[in-house]
Amino acid sequence: MKFYDCATAPSPRRVRIFIAEKGVEIPVVQVDLRSGEQLGEAFRAKNPRCTVPVLELDDGTCLTETVAICDYLDSVYPQPSLMGRTPKERALVLQWNHWIEDLGFLSVAEVLRNSFPGFKDRALPGPDAFEQIPALAERGRRRIGQFWALLDRQLGANAWVAGDAFTMVDISALVVCDFAQRVKLAMPEECAALRAWHGRAAARPSSSGSVL
């Protein structure tokens, strides 16, 4: 296998942490997003959407979405389980991951891609040019508040996001929290449960070795 990564991008970081939690070694190929390497024909042949991460399997199959990659790795390397130990846990992991991507990742991405000059005409990832829409950046700033509140409430009653075990959804939430700081959307001081959880998650060796 080969893992196509970008050290400065949030989505590949989720897979990096997942791999580290599994304790496995997978060869890494860095993709230079700043230079547009992901838009070249060589990378486009692996992922026509021109995004990272990509996990290339030994038979040449390329998995191009974070959840698909993590699910595959969890099946191949079942211990420790990071996608849920039971059908109920797996369902909760997938449910919470969807909420985190919708309220968290999307909100931060709307701010970043619709307000930062470096994303002019690159408001959406992928091969096509899309203009920035300032109103979407403002919407993202408002929506992130829902994300903080949702997580803080959940973590006030649970040790980890999906229950009593660290799972992929904790990885997703951690990366969103750190990603948000890059656009000055820090966790609110009053979200004590969220901040305590973040401290525990960030202190794990898998996380501390993969900071953006």
N, C-alpha and C. Protein backbone atom coordinates (compact mmCIF):
# COMPACT_ATOMS: atom_id res chain seq x y z
N MET A 1 0.84 -1.20 0.00
CA MET A 1 0.00 0.00 0.00
C MET A 1 0.87 1.25 0.00
N LYS A 2 0.28 2.36 -0.48
CA LYS A 2 0.90 3.68 -0.39
C LYS A 2 -0.16 4.67 0.08
N PHE A 3 0.26 5.56 0.95
CA PHE A 3 -0.63 6.60 1.47
C PHE A 3 -0.19 7.94 0.90
N TYR A 4 -1.07 8.56 0.10
CA TYR A 4 -0.79 9.88 -0.47
C TYR A 4 -1.31 10.93 0.49
N ASP A 5 -0.39 11.74 0.99
CA ASP A 5 -0.61 12.62 2.13
C ASP A 5 -0.26 14.05 1.74
N CYS A 6 -0.66 14.99 2.57
CA CYS A 6 -0.16 16.37 2.53
C CYS A 6 -0.09 16.83 3.97
N ALA A 7 1.11 17.14 4.44
CA ALA A 7 1.34 17.40 5.86
C ALA A 7 0.58 18.61 6.38
N THR A 8 0.14 19.51 5.50
CA THR A 8 -0.53 20.73 5.94
C THR A 8 -2.05 20.69 5.79
N ALA A 9 -2.58 19.58 5.30
CA ALA A 9 -4.03 19.50 5.04
C ALA A 9 -4.74 18.70 6.14
N PRO A 10 -5.95 19.10 6.52
CA PRO A 10 -6.63 18.43 7.63
C PRO A 10 -7.13 17.02 7.33
N SER A 11 -7.68 16.78 6.16
CA SER A 11 -8.25 15.45 5.90
C SER A 11 -7.19 14.34 5.93
N PRO A 12 -6.03 14.52 5.29
CA PRO A 12 -5.01 13.48 5.41
C PRO A 12 -4.52 13.28 6.84
N ARG A 13 -4.56 14.35 7.64
CA ARG A 13 -4.14 14.20 9.04
C ARG A 13 -5.03 13.20 9.76
N ARG A 14 -6.30 13.16 9.45
CA ARG A 14 -7.20 12.18 10.07
C ARG A 14 -6.70 10.76 9.80
N VAL A 15 -6.28 10.50 8.57
CA VAL A 15 -5.78 9.17 8.23
C VAL A 15 -4.43 8.92 8.90
N ARG A 16 -3.57 9.94 8.95
CA ARG A 16 -2.28 9.77 9.64
C ARG A 16 -2.47 9.34 11.08
N ILE A 17 -3.39 10.00 11.78
CA ILE A 17 -3.65 9.64 13.18
C ILE A 17 -4.21 8.23 13.26
N PHE A 18 -5.13 7.90 12.36
CA PHE A 18 -5.74 6.56 12.34
C PHE A 18 -4.66 5.50 12.17
N ILE A 19 -3.76 5.71 11.22
CA ILE A 19 -2.68 4.75 10.97
C ILE A 19 -1.79 4.62 12.20
N ALA A 20 -1.47 5.76 12.82
CA ALA A 20 -0.63 5.74 14.02
C ALA A 20 -1.31 4.98 15.16
N GLU A 21 -2.61 5.16 15.32
CA GLU A 21 -3.35 4.43 16.36
C GLU A 21 -3.32 2.93 16.10
N LYS A 22 -3.30 2.55 14.84
CA LYS A 22 -3.23 1.13 14.49
C LYS A 22 -1.84 0.55 14.71
N GLY A 23 -0.83 1.42 14.74
CA GLY A 23 0.53 0.95 14.94
C GLY A 23 1.11 0.23 13.74
N VAL A 24 0.67 0.62 12.54
CA VAL A 24 1.17 -0.02 11.32
C VAL A 24 2.02 0.98 10.53
N GLU A 25 2.86 0.45 9.67
CA GLU A 25 3.72 1.28 8.82
C GLU A 25 3.24 1.17 7.38
N ILE A 26 2.90 2.31 6.80
CA ILE A 26 2.47 2.36 5.40
C ILE A 26 3.32 3.42 4.71
N PRO A 27 3.97 3.09 3.59
CA PRO A 27 4.77 4.09 2.89
C PRO A 27 3.95 5.32 2.53
N VAL A 28 4.56 6.49 2.71
CA VAL A 28 3.87 7.77 2.51
C VAL A 28 4.47 8.50 1.32
N VAL A 29 3.60 9.06 0.49
CA VAL A 29 4.00 9.94 -0.61
C VAL A 29 3.38 11.30 -0.34
N GLN A 30 4.21 12.33 -0.19
CA GLN A 30 3.71 13.67 0.04
C GLN A 30 3.28 14.31 -1.28
N VAL A 31 2.11 14.92 -1.27
CA VAL A 31 1.57 15.61 -2.44
C VAL A 31 1.60 17.11 -2.15
N ASP A 32 2.24 17.88 -3.01
CA ASP A 32 2.40 19.32 -2.80
C ASP A 32 1.17 20.06 -3.32
N LEU A 33 0.23 20.34 -2.43
CA LEU A 33 -1.00 21.02 -2.84
C LEU A 33 -0.74 22.46 -3.24
N ARG A 34 0.24 23.10 -2.61
CA ARG A 34 0.51 24.51 -2.91
C ARG A 34 0.96 24.71 -4.36
N SER A 35 1.71 23.75 -4.87
CA SER A 35 2.18 23.86 -6.25
C SER A 35 1.17 23.31 -7.25
N GLY A 36 0.09 22.72 -6.75
CA GLY A 36 -0.93 22.16 -7.63
C GLY A 36 -0.61 20.77 -8.14
N GLU A 37 0.25 20.06 -7.43
CA GLU A 37 0.61 18.71 -7.88
C GLU A 37 -0.61 17.81 -8.01
N GLN A 38 -1.61 18.04 -7.15
CA GLN A 38 -2.81 17.20 -7.16
C GLN A 38 -3.62 17.36 -8.44
N LEU A 39 -3.34 18.43 -9.19
CA LEU A 39 -4.08 18.69 -10.43
C LEU A 39 -3.41 18.09 -11.65
N GLY A 40 -2.19 17.57 -11.47
CA GLY A 40 -1.46 16.98 -12.58
C GLY A 40 -2.03 15.64 -13.02
N GLU A 41 -1.66 15.23 -14.20
CA GLU A 41 -2.21 14.00 -14.77
C GLU A 41 -1.85 12.77 -13.96
N ALA A 42 -0.64 12.73 -13.40
CA ALA A 42 -0.21 11.55 -12.65
C ALA A 42 -1.09 11.32 -11.43
N PHE A 43 -1.36 12.40 -10.69
CA PHE A 43 -2.20 12.23 -9.50
C PHE A 43 -3.67 12.10 -9.90
N ARG A 44 -4.07 12.80 -10.93
CA ARG A 44 -5.47 12.73 -11.37
C ARG A 44 -5.85 11.30 -11.77
N ALA A 45 -4.88 10.54 -12.25
CA ALA A 45 -5.14 9.15 -12.62
C ALA A 45 -5.48 8.30 -11.39
N LYS A 46 -4.99 8.73 -10.23
CA LYS A 46 -5.29 8.02 -9.00
C LYS A 46 -6.59 8.51 -8.37
N ASN A 47 -6.84 9.81 -8.49
CA ASN A 47 -8.06 10.39 -7.94
C ASN A 47 -8.55 11.51 -8.85
N PRO A 48 -9.54 11.25 -9.68
CA PRO A 48 -10.02 12.28 -10.62
C PRO A 48 -10.59 13.51 -9.93
N ARG A 49 -10.88 13.42 -8.63
CA ARG A 49 -11.37 14.59 -7.89
C ARG A 49 -10.21 15.47 -7.41
N CYS A 50 -8.98 14.98 -7.58
CA CYS A 50 -7.78 15.77 -7.28
C CYS A 50 -7.70 16.22 -5.83
N THR A 51 -8.01 15.32 -4.91
CA THR A 51 -7.95 15.63 -3.48
C THR A 51 -7.14 14.56 -2.75
N VAL A 52 -6.66 14.92 -1.59
CA VAL A 52 -6.03 13.97 -0.69
C VAL A 52 -6.91 13.85 0.55
N PRO A 53 -6.86 12.71 1.22
CA PRO A 53 -5.93 11.60 1.10
C PRO A 53 -6.32 10.60 0.02
N VAL A 54 -5.33 9.77 -0.34
CA VAL A 54 -5.56 8.62 -1.20
C VAL A 54 -4.78 7.45 -0.61
N LEU A 55 -5.42 6.31 -0.52
CA LEU A 55 -4.73 5.08 -0.15
C LEU A 55 -4.73 4.17 -1.36
N GLU A 56 -3.54 3.91 -1.90
CA GLU A 56 -3.40 3.02 -3.05
C GLU A 56 -3.11 1.61 -2.56
N LEU A 57 -3.97 0.68 -2.89
CA LEU A 57 -3.81 -0.70 -2.46
C LEU A 57 -2.79 -1.42 -3.34
N ASP A 58 -2.39 -2.60 -2.90
CA ASP A 58 -1.36 -3.34 -3.63
C ASP A 58 -1.80 -3.72 -5.03
N ASP A 59 -3.11 -3.84 -5.26
CA ASP A 59 -3.58 -4.20 -6.60
C ASP A 59 -3.83 -2.98 -7.47
N GLY A 60 -3.50 -1.78 -6.97
CA GLY A 60 -3.67 -0.56 -7.73
C GLY A 60 -4.96 0.18 -7.47
N THR A 61 -5.89 -0.43 -6.75
CA THR A 61 -7.13 0.26 -6.38
C THR A 61 -6.80 1.47 -5.50
N CYS A 62 -7.47 2.59 -5.77
CA CYS A 62 -7.24 3.81 -5.00
C CYS A 62 -8.50 4.19 -4.23
N LEU A 63 -8.38 4.24 -2.92
CA LEU A 63 -9.46 4.72 -2.06
C LEU A 63 -9.21 6.20 -1.80
N THR A 64 -10.25 7.03 -1.99
CA THR A 64 -10.02 8.47 -2.03
C THR A 64 -10.82 9.27 -1.01
N GLU A 65 -11.53 8.62 -0.11
CA GLU A 65 -12.30 9.33 0.91
C GLU A 65 -11.86 8.85 2.29
N THR A 66 -11.77 9.78 3.22
CA THR A 66 -11.23 9.48 4.55
C THR A 66 -11.97 8.33 5.22
N VAL A 67 -13.29 8.37 5.25
CA VAL A 67 -14.05 7.32 5.94
C VAL A 67 -13.84 5.97 5.25
N ALA A 68 -13.81 5.95 3.93
CA ALA A 68 -13.58 4.70 3.21
C ALA A 68 -12.20 4.13 3.53
N ILE A 69 -11.20 5.00 3.58
CA ILE A 69 -9.84 4.56 3.90
C ILE A 69 -9.79 3.99 5.32
N CYS A 70 -10.37 4.72 6.26
CA CYS A 70 -10.34 4.27 7.65
C CYS A 70 -11.11 2.97 7.83
N ASP A 71 -12.23 2.83 7.16
CA ASP A 71 -13.02 1.61 7.27
C ASP A 71 -12.24 0.42 6.71
N TYR A 72 -11.55 0.63 5.60
CA TYR A 72 -10.73 -0.43 5.02
C TYR A 72 -9.62 -0.84 5.98
N LEU A 73 -8.91 0.15 6.51
CA LEU A 73 -7.80 -0.14 7.41
C LEU A 73 -8.28 -0.83 8.69
N ASP A 74 -9.46 -0.45 9.15
CA ASP A 74 -10.00 -1.08 10.36
C ASP A 74 -10.34 -2.54 10.11
N SER A 75 -10.73 -2.86 8.89
CA SER A 75 -11.03 -4.25 8.54
C SER A 75 -9.75 -5.07 8.38
N VAL A 76 -8.74 -4.46 7.78
CA VAL A 76 -7.48 -5.18 7.55
C VAL A 76 -6.68 -5.32 8.85
N TYR A 77 -6.73 -4.28 9.67
CA TYR A 77 -6.02 -4.28 10.95
C TYR A 77 -7.06 -4.06 12.06
N PRO A 78 -7.74 -5.11 12.48
CA PRO A 78 -8.91 -4.94 13.35
C PRO A 78 -8.63 -4.50 14.78
N GLN A 79 -7.38 -4.58 15.22
CA GLN A 79 -7.07 -4.18 16.60
C GLN A 79 -6.08 -3.02 16.63
N PRO A 80 -6.34 -2.02 17.43
CA PRO A 80 -7.58 -1.79 18.17
C PRO A 80 -8.69 -1.32 17.24
N SER A 81 -9.92 -1.66 17.56
CA SER A 81 -11.04 -1.22 16.73
C SER A 81 -11.24 0.28 16.87
N LEU A 82 -11.31 0.98 15.74
CA LEU A 82 -11.53 2.42 15.75
C LEU A 82 -12.82 2.82 15.04
N MET A 83 -13.53 1.82 14.49
CA MET A 83 -14.78 2.09 13.80
C MET A 83 -15.99 1.55 14.57
N GLY A 84 -15.76 1.09 15.79
CA GLY A 84 -16.85 0.54 16.60
C GLY A 84 -16.70 -0.95 16.78
N ARG A 85 -16.84 -1.40 18.03
CA ARG A 85 -16.65 -2.82 18.36
C ARG A 85 -17.91 -3.63 18.16
N THR A 86 -19.05 -2.98 18.09
CA THR A 86 -20.34 -3.65 17.91
C THR A 86 -21.12 -2.91 16.81
N PRO A 87 -22.17 -3.51 16.27
CA PRO A 87 -22.98 -2.79 15.29
C PRO A 87 -23.49 -1.45 15.81
N LYS A 88 -23.88 -1.41 17.08
CA LYS A 88 -24.36 -0.15 17.65
C LYS A 88 -23.25 0.90 17.70
N GLU A 89 -22.06 0.50 18.16
CA GLU A 89 -20.95 1.45 18.22
C GLU A 89 -20.58 1.94 16.83
N ARG A 90 -20.55 1.03 15.86
CA ARG A 90 -20.22 1.43 14.49
C ARG A 90 -21.23 2.44 13.96
N ALA A 91 -22.50 2.20 14.23
CA ALA A 91 -23.54 3.14 13.79
C ALA A 91 -23.35 4.51 14.43
N LEU A 92 -23.01 4.53 15.71
CA LEU A 92 -22.79 5.80 16.40
C LEU A 92 -21.56 6.52 15.87
N VAL A 93 -20.51 5.77 15.57
CA VAL A 93 -19.30 6.37 14.99
C VAL A 93 -19.64 7.04 13.65
N LEU A 94 -20.36 6.33 12.80
CA LEU A 94 -20.71 6.89 11.49
C LEU A 94 -21.65 8.08 11.62
N GLN A 95 -22.59 7.98 12.55
CA GLN A 95 -23.52 9.10 12.77
C GLN A 95 -22.78 10.34 13.23
N TRP A 96 -21.94 10.19 14.25
CA TRP A 96 -21.22 11.35 14.77
C TRP A 96 -20.21 11.88 13.76
N ASN A 97 -19.62 10.99 12.99
CA ASN A 97 -18.68 11.48 11.99
C ASN A 97 -19.39 12.35 10.95
N HIS A 98 -20.59 11.94 10.58
CA HIS A 98 -21.36 12.75 9.63
C HIS A 98 -21.67 14.12 10.22
N TRP A 99 -22.10 14.16 11.47
CA TRP A 99 -22.40 15.44 12.11
C TRP A 99 -21.15 16.33 12.19
N ILE A 100 -20.03 15.72 12.51
CA ILE A 100 -18.79 16.49 12.64
C ILE A 100 -18.34 17.03 11.29
N GLU A 101 -18.48 16.23 10.24
CA GLU A 101 -18.12 16.72 8.92
C GLU A 101 -19.05 17.84 8.47
N ASP A 102 -20.34 17.69 8.76
CA ASP A 102 -21.32 18.68 8.32
C ASP A 102 -21.20 19.99 9.10
N LEU A 103 -21.21 19.91 10.43
CA LEU A 103 -21.18 21.12 11.25
C LEU A 103 -19.77 21.64 11.48
N GLY A 104 -18.79 20.75 11.50
CA GLY A 104 -17.43 21.15 11.81
C GLY A 104 -16.57 21.43 10.60
N PHE A 105 -16.22 20.38 9.87
CA PHE A 105 -15.34 20.55 8.71
C PHE A 105 -15.92 21.53 7.70
N LEU A 106 -17.18 21.37 7.38
CA LEU A 106 -17.78 22.23 6.36
C LEU A 106 -17.79 23.69 6.80
N SER A 107 -18.09 23.94 8.07
CA SER A 107 -18.12 25.31 8.57
C SER A 107 -16.75 25.97 8.46
N VAL A 108 -15.71 25.26 8.90
CA VAL A 108 -14.36 25.82 8.84
C VAL A 108 -13.92 25.99 7.40
N ALA A 109 -14.22 25.00 6.56
CA ALA A 109 -13.84 25.09 5.15
C ALA A 109 -14.53 26.26 4.46
N GLU A 110 -15.78 26.53 4.82
CA GLU A 110 -16.48 27.67 4.22
C GLU A 110 -15.77 28.98 4.56
N VAL A 111 -15.32 29.10 5.80
CA VAL A 111 -14.60 30.31 6.20
C VAL A 111 -13.28 30.40 5.45
N LEU A 112 -12.50 29.33 5.49
CA LEU A 112 -11.17 29.34 4.87
C LEU A 112 -11.23 29.59 3.38
N ARG A 113 -12.04 28.82 2.69
CA ARG A 113 -12.02 28.87 1.23
C ARG A 113 -12.75 30.08 0.65
N ASN A 114 -13.59 30.71 1.45
CA ASN A 114 -14.34 31.86 0.92
C ASN A 114 -13.85 33.20 1.46
N SER A 115 -12.76 33.19 2.23
CA SER A 115 -12.26 34.47 2.75
C SER A 115 -10.75 34.64 2.60
N PHE A 116 -10.00 33.56 2.48
CA PHE A 116 -8.55 33.68 2.40
C PHE A 116 -8.11 33.91 0.95
N PRO A 117 -7.24 34.90 0.71
CA PRO A 117 -6.82 35.23 -0.66
C PRO A 117 -6.20 34.05 -1.40
N GLY A 118 -5.53 33.16 -0.68
CA GLY A 118 -4.89 32.03 -1.34
C GLY A 118 -5.86 31.07 -2.01
N PHE A 119 -7.14 31.19 -1.68
CA PHE A 119 -8.15 30.32 -2.28
C PHE A 119 -9.02 31.06 -3.30
N LYS A 120 -8.53 32.18 -3.78
CA LYS A 120 -9.25 32.89 -4.84
C LYS A 120 -9.44 31.96 -6.04
N ASP A 121 -10.67 31.83 -6.49
CA ASP A 121 -11.04 30.93 -7.59
C ASP A 121 -10.79 29.45 -7.25
N ARG A 122 -10.59 29.16 -5.95
CA ARG A 122 -10.41 27.77 -5.50
C ARG A 122 -11.31 27.52 -4.30
N ALA A 123 -12.53 28.05 -4.36
CA ALA A 123 -13.43 27.99 -3.20
C ALA A 123 -13.91 26.58 -2.88
N LEU A 124 -13.77 25.67 -3.82
CA LEU A 124 -14.10 24.26 -3.57
C LEU A 124 -12.90 23.41 -3.98
N PRO A 125 -12.62 22.34 -3.22
CA PRO A 125 -11.54 21.45 -3.63
C PRO A 125 -11.89 20.74 -4.92
N GLY A 126 -10.85 20.30 -5.63
CA GLY A 126 -11.09 19.59 -6.88
C GLY A 126 -10.50 20.31 -8.07
N PRO A 127 -10.74 19.80 -9.26
CA PRO A 127 -10.08 20.32 -10.46
C PRO A 127 -10.70 21.58 -11.05
N ASP A 128 -11.91 21.95 -10.63
CA ASP A 128 -12.61 23.06 -11.26
C ASP A 128 -12.50 24.34 -10.44
N ALA A 129 -12.54 25.48 -11.13
CA ALA A 129 -12.44 26.79 -10.48
C ALA A 129 -13.83 27.26 -10.04
N PHE A 130 -13.91 27.68 -8.79
CA PHE A 130 -15.15 28.26 -8.26
C PHE A 130 -14.79 29.53 -7.50
N GLU A 131 -15.58 30.59 -7.75
CA GLU A 131 -15.30 31.87 -7.10
C GLU A 131 -15.68 31.83 -5.63
N GLN A 132 -15.03 32.68 -4.86
CA GLN A 132 -15.36 32.80 -3.44
C GLN A 132 -16.69 33.52 -3.25
N ILE A 133 -17.41 33.13 -2.20
CA ILE A 133 -18.69 33.76 -1.85
C ILE A 133 -18.58 34.21 -0.39
N PRO A 134 -18.32 35.48 -0.15
CA PRO A 134 -18.12 35.96 1.23
C PRO A 134 -19.25 35.58 2.19
N ALA A 135 -20.47 35.53 1.70
CA ALA A 135 -21.60 35.19 2.58
C ALA A 135 -21.45 33.78 3.15
N LEU A 136 -20.81 32.88 2.41
CA LEU A 136 -20.61 31.53 2.92
C LEU A 136 -19.59 31.51 4.06
N ALA A 137 -18.60 32.40 3.98
CA ALA A 137 -17.64 32.50 5.08
C ALA A 137 -18.34 32.95 6.35
N GLU A 138 -19.23 33.91 6.23
CA GLU A 138 -19.96 34.39 7.40
C GLU A 138 -20.88 33.29 7.94
N ARG A 139 -21.50 32.54 7.05
CA ARG A 139 -22.34 31.43 7.50
C ARG A 139 -21.51 30.40 8.27
N GLY A 140 -20.31 30.11 7.77
CA GLY A 140 -19.45 29.15 8.45
C GLY A 140 -19.10 29.61 9.86
N ARG A 141 -18.83 30.90 10.02
CA ARG A 141 -18.51 31.44 11.35
C ARG A 141 -19.69 31.27 12.30
N ARG A 142 -20.90 31.40 11.79
CA ARG A 142 -22.07 31.23 12.65
C ARG A 142 -22.31 29.76 12.98
N ARG A 143 -22.15 28.90 11.99
CA ARG A 143 -22.46 27.48 12.18
C ARG A 143 -21.49 26.78 13.12
N ILE A 144 -20.24 27.27 13.20
CA ILE A 144 -19.28 26.58 14.05
C ILE A 144 -19.72 26.61 15.51
N GLY A 145 -20.51 27.61 15.88
CA GLY A 145 -21.03 27.66 17.24
C GLY A 145 -21.91 26.47 17.56
N GLN A 146 -22.68 26.01 16.58
CA GLN A 146 -23.50 24.81 16.77
C GLN A 146 -22.62 23.58 17.00
N PHE A 147 -21.52 23.54 16.30
CA PHE A 147 -20.57 22.43 16.43
C PHE A 147 -19.99 22.38 17.84
N TRP A 148 -19.51 23.54 18.33
CA TRP A 148 -18.93 23.56 19.68
C TRP A 148 -19.96 23.10 20.71
N ALA A 149 -21.18 23.63 20.60
CA ALA A 149 -22.23 23.30 21.58
C ALA A 149 -22.60 21.82 21.54
N LEU A 150 -22.71 21.26 20.34
CA LEU A 150 -23.07 19.85 20.19
C LEU A 150 -22.02 18.95 20.83
N LEU A 151 -20.75 19.22 20.53
CA LEU A 151 -19.69 18.39 21.07
C LEU A 151 -19.56 18.54 22.58
N ASP A 152 -19.66 19.78 23.06
CA ASP A 152 -19.52 20.02 24.50
C ASP A 152 -20.61 19.27 25.28
N ARG A 153 -21.82 19.29 24.75
CA ARG A 153 -22.92 18.58 25.40
C ARG A 153 -22.66 17.07 25.41
N GLN A 154 -22.22 16.53 24.29
CA GLN A 154 -21.95 15.09 24.21
C GLN A 154 -20.81 14.68 25.13
N LEU A 155 -19.77 15.50 25.18
CA LEU A 155 -18.60 15.15 25.98
C LEU A 155 -18.81 15.43 27.46
N GLY A 156 -19.86 16.15 27.78
CA GLY A 156 -20.22 16.31 29.19
C GLY A 156 -20.77 15.04 29.79
N ALA A 157 -21.21 14.12 28.92
CA ALA A 157 -21.82 12.87 29.39
C ALA A 157 -21.03 11.63 28.98
N ASN A 158 -19.98 11.81 28.18
CA ASN A 158 -19.21 10.67 27.68
C ASN A 158 -17.72 10.98 27.70
N ALA A 159 -16.91 9.95 27.92
CA ALA A 159 -15.46 10.15 27.93
C ALA A 159 -14.94 10.49 26.54
N TRP A 160 -15.52 9.86 25.54
CA TRP A 160 -15.13 10.10 24.14
C TRP A 160 -16.38 10.39 23.34
N VAL A 161 -16.22 10.84 22.12
CA VAL A 161 -17.37 11.36 21.37
C VAL A 161 -18.46 10.32 21.17
N ALA A 162 -18.09 9.10 20.81
CA ALA A 162 -19.11 8.08 20.53
C ALA A 162 -19.38 7.16 21.72
N GLY A 163 -18.82 7.48 22.88
CA GLY A 163 -19.07 6.63 24.05
C GLY A 163 -17.85 6.51 24.93
N ASP A 164 -17.54 5.27 25.34
CA ASP A 164 -16.45 5.06 26.30
C ASP A 164 -15.13 4.67 25.66
N ALA A 165 -15.06 4.63 24.33
CA ALA A 165 -13.84 4.23 23.64
C ALA A 165 -13.41 5.30 22.63
N PHE A 166 -12.10 5.48 22.50
CA PHE A 166 -11.54 6.37 21.49
C PHE A 166 -11.75 5.74 20.11
N THR A 167 -12.34 6.49 19.19
CA THR A 167 -12.64 5.97 17.85
C THR A 167 -12.27 6.99 16.78
N MET A 168 -12.55 6.61 15.54
CA MET A 168 -12.28 7.50 14.42
C MET A 168 -12.96 8.85 14.59
N VAL A 169 -14.12 8.87 15.23
CA VAL A 169 -14.87 10.11 15.35
C VAL A 169 -14.15 11.10 16.28
N ASP A 170 -13.39 10.60 17.24
CA ASP A 170 -12.56 11.49 18.05
C ASP A 170 -11.44 12.09 17.21
N ILE A 171 -10.91 11.31 16.31
CA ILE A 171 -9.89 11.82 15.39
C ILE A 171 -10.48 12.94 14.54
N SER A 172 -11.65 12.70 13.98
CA SER A 172 -12.29 13.72 13.14
C SER A 172 -12.54 15.00 13.92
N ALA A 173 -13.06 14.87 15.14
CA ALA A 173 -13.37 16.04 15.95
C ALA A 173 -12.10 16.79 16.34
N LEU A 174 -11.05 16.07 16.70
CA LEU A 174 -9.78 16.71 17.06
C LEU A 174 -9.24 17.52 15.90
N VAL A 175 -9.26 16.94 14.72
CA VAL A 175 -8.71 17.64 13.55
C VAL A 175 -9.53 18.89 13.24
N VAL A 176 -10.86 18.81 13.38
CA VAL A 176 -11.68 20.01 13.17
C VAL A 176 -11.31 21.09 14.17
N CYS A 177 -11.16 20.73 15.44
CA CYS A 177 -10.83 21.73 16.47
C CYS A 177 -9.51 22.42 16.16
N ASP A 178 -8.51 21.66 15.74
CA ASP A 178 -7.21 22.25 15.42
C ASP A 178 -7.27 23.04 14.12
N PHE A 179 -8.01 22.53 13.15
CA PHE A 179 -8.19 23.21 11.86
C PHE A 179 -8.87 24.56 12.08
N ALA A 180 -9.84 24.61 12.97
CA ALA A 180 -10.59 25.84 13.23
C ALA A 180 -9.69 26.95 13.76
N GLN A 181 -8.68 26.58 14.53
CA GLN A 181 -7.78 27.59 15.07
C GLN A 181 -7.03 28.34 13.98
N ARG A 182 -6.85 27.70 12.83
CA ARG A 182 -6.14 28.35 11.73
C ARG A 182 -6.94 29.49 11.12
N VAL A 183 -8.24 29.49 11.34
CA VAL A 183 -9.08 30.59 10.84
C VAL A 183 -9.69 31.37 12.00
N LYS A 184 -8.98 31.30 13.15
CA LYS A 184 -9.37 32.09 14.34
C LYS A 184 -10.78 31.74 14.84
N LEU A 185 -11.10 30.45 14.83
CA LEU A 185 -12.37 29.96 15.35
C LEU A 185 -12.08 29.02 16.52
N ALA A 186 -11.49 29.55 17.56
CA ALA A 186 -11.05 28.73 18.69
C ALA A 186 -12.24 28.23 19.51
N MET A 187 -12.03 27.11 20.20
CA MET A 187 -13.05 26.57 21.09
C MET A 187 -13.39 27.59 22.17
N PRO A 188 -14.66 27.80 22.46
CA PRO A 188 -15.05 28.76 23.49
C PRO A 188 -14.55 28.34 24.87
N GLU A 189 -14.17 29.32 25.68
CA GLU A 189 -13.70 29.04 27.03
C GLU A 189 -14.75 28.32 27.86
N GLU A 190 -16.02 28.64 27.62
CA GLU A 190 -17.08 28.06 28.45
C GLU A 190 -17.36 26.59 28.13
N CYS A 191 -16.81 26.08 27.05
CA CYS A 191 -17.02 24.66 26.70
C CYS A 191 -16.01 23.79 27.44
N ALA A 192 -16.22 23.65 28.74
CA ALA A 192 -15.23 22.97 29.59
C ALA A 192 -15.06 21.50 29.24
N ALA A 193 -16.15 20.81 28.97
CA ALA A 193 -16.05 19.38 28.64
C ALA A 193 -15.32 19.19 27.31
N LEU A 194 -15.62 20.03 26.35
CA LEU A 194 -14.95 19.96 25.05
C LEU A 194 -13.46 20.20 25.20
N ARG A 195 -13.08 21.21 25.96
CA ARG A 195 -11.68 21.55 26.11
C ARG A 195 -10.92 20.46 26.87
N ALA A 196 -11.56 19.86 27.87
CA ALA A 196 -10.92 18.77 28.60
C ALA A 196 -10.70 17.56 27.69
N TRP A 197 -11.71 17.24 26.90
CA TRP A 197 -11.57 16.14 25.93
C TRP A 197 -10.45 16.43 24.94
N HIS A 198 -10.40 17.66 24.43
CA HIS A 198 -9.37 18.02 23.46
C HIS A 198 -7.98 17.82 24.05
N GLY A 199 -7.81 18.18 25.31
CA GLY A 199 -6.52 17.98 25.95
C GLY A 199 -6.12 16.52 25.98
N ARG A 200 -7.08 15.64 26.28
CA ARG A 200 -6.79 14.20 26.31
C ARG A 200 -6.48 13.67 24.92
N ALA A 201 -7.29 14.07 23.95
CA ALA A 201 -7.10 13.57 22.58
C ALA A 201 -5.79 14.06 21.99
N ALA A 202 -5.48 15.33 22.22
CA ALA A 202 -4.26 15.91 21.66
C ALA A 202 -3.00 15.34 22.30
N ALA A 203 -3.12 14.82 23.52
CA ALA A 203 -1.96 14.28 24.23
C ALA A 203 -1.61 12.86 23.78
N ARG A 204 -2.48 12.21 23.03
CA ARG A 204 -2.18 10.86 22.56
C ARG A 204 -0.99 10.91 21.60
N PRO A 205 -0.07 9.95 21.66
CA PRO A 205 1.10 9.97 20.76
C PRO A 205 0.72 10.07 19.29
N SER A 206 -0.37 9.43 18.90
CA SER A 206 -0.79 9.48 17.49
C SER A 206 -1.15 10.89 17.06
N SER A 207 -1.68 11.68 17.98
CA SER A 207 -2.12 13.04 17.66
C SER A 207 -0.97 14.02 17.73
N SER A 208 -0.17 13.93 18.78
CA SER A 208 0.90 14.91 18.98
C SER A 208 1.96 14.82 17.89
N GLY A 209 2.05 13.67 17.25
CA GLY A 209 3.03 13.52 16.19
C GLY A 209 2.51 13.89 14.82
N SER A 210 1.31 14.46 14.75
CA SER A 210 0.71 14.74 13.43
C SER A 210 0.13 16.14 13.36
N VAL A 211 0.66 17.07 14.17
CA VAL A 211 0.10 18.42 14.22
C VAL A 211 0.25 19.10 12.88
N LEU A 212 -0.81 19.86 12.48
CA LEU A 212 -0.77 20.57 11.21
C LEU A 212 0.29 21.65 11.24
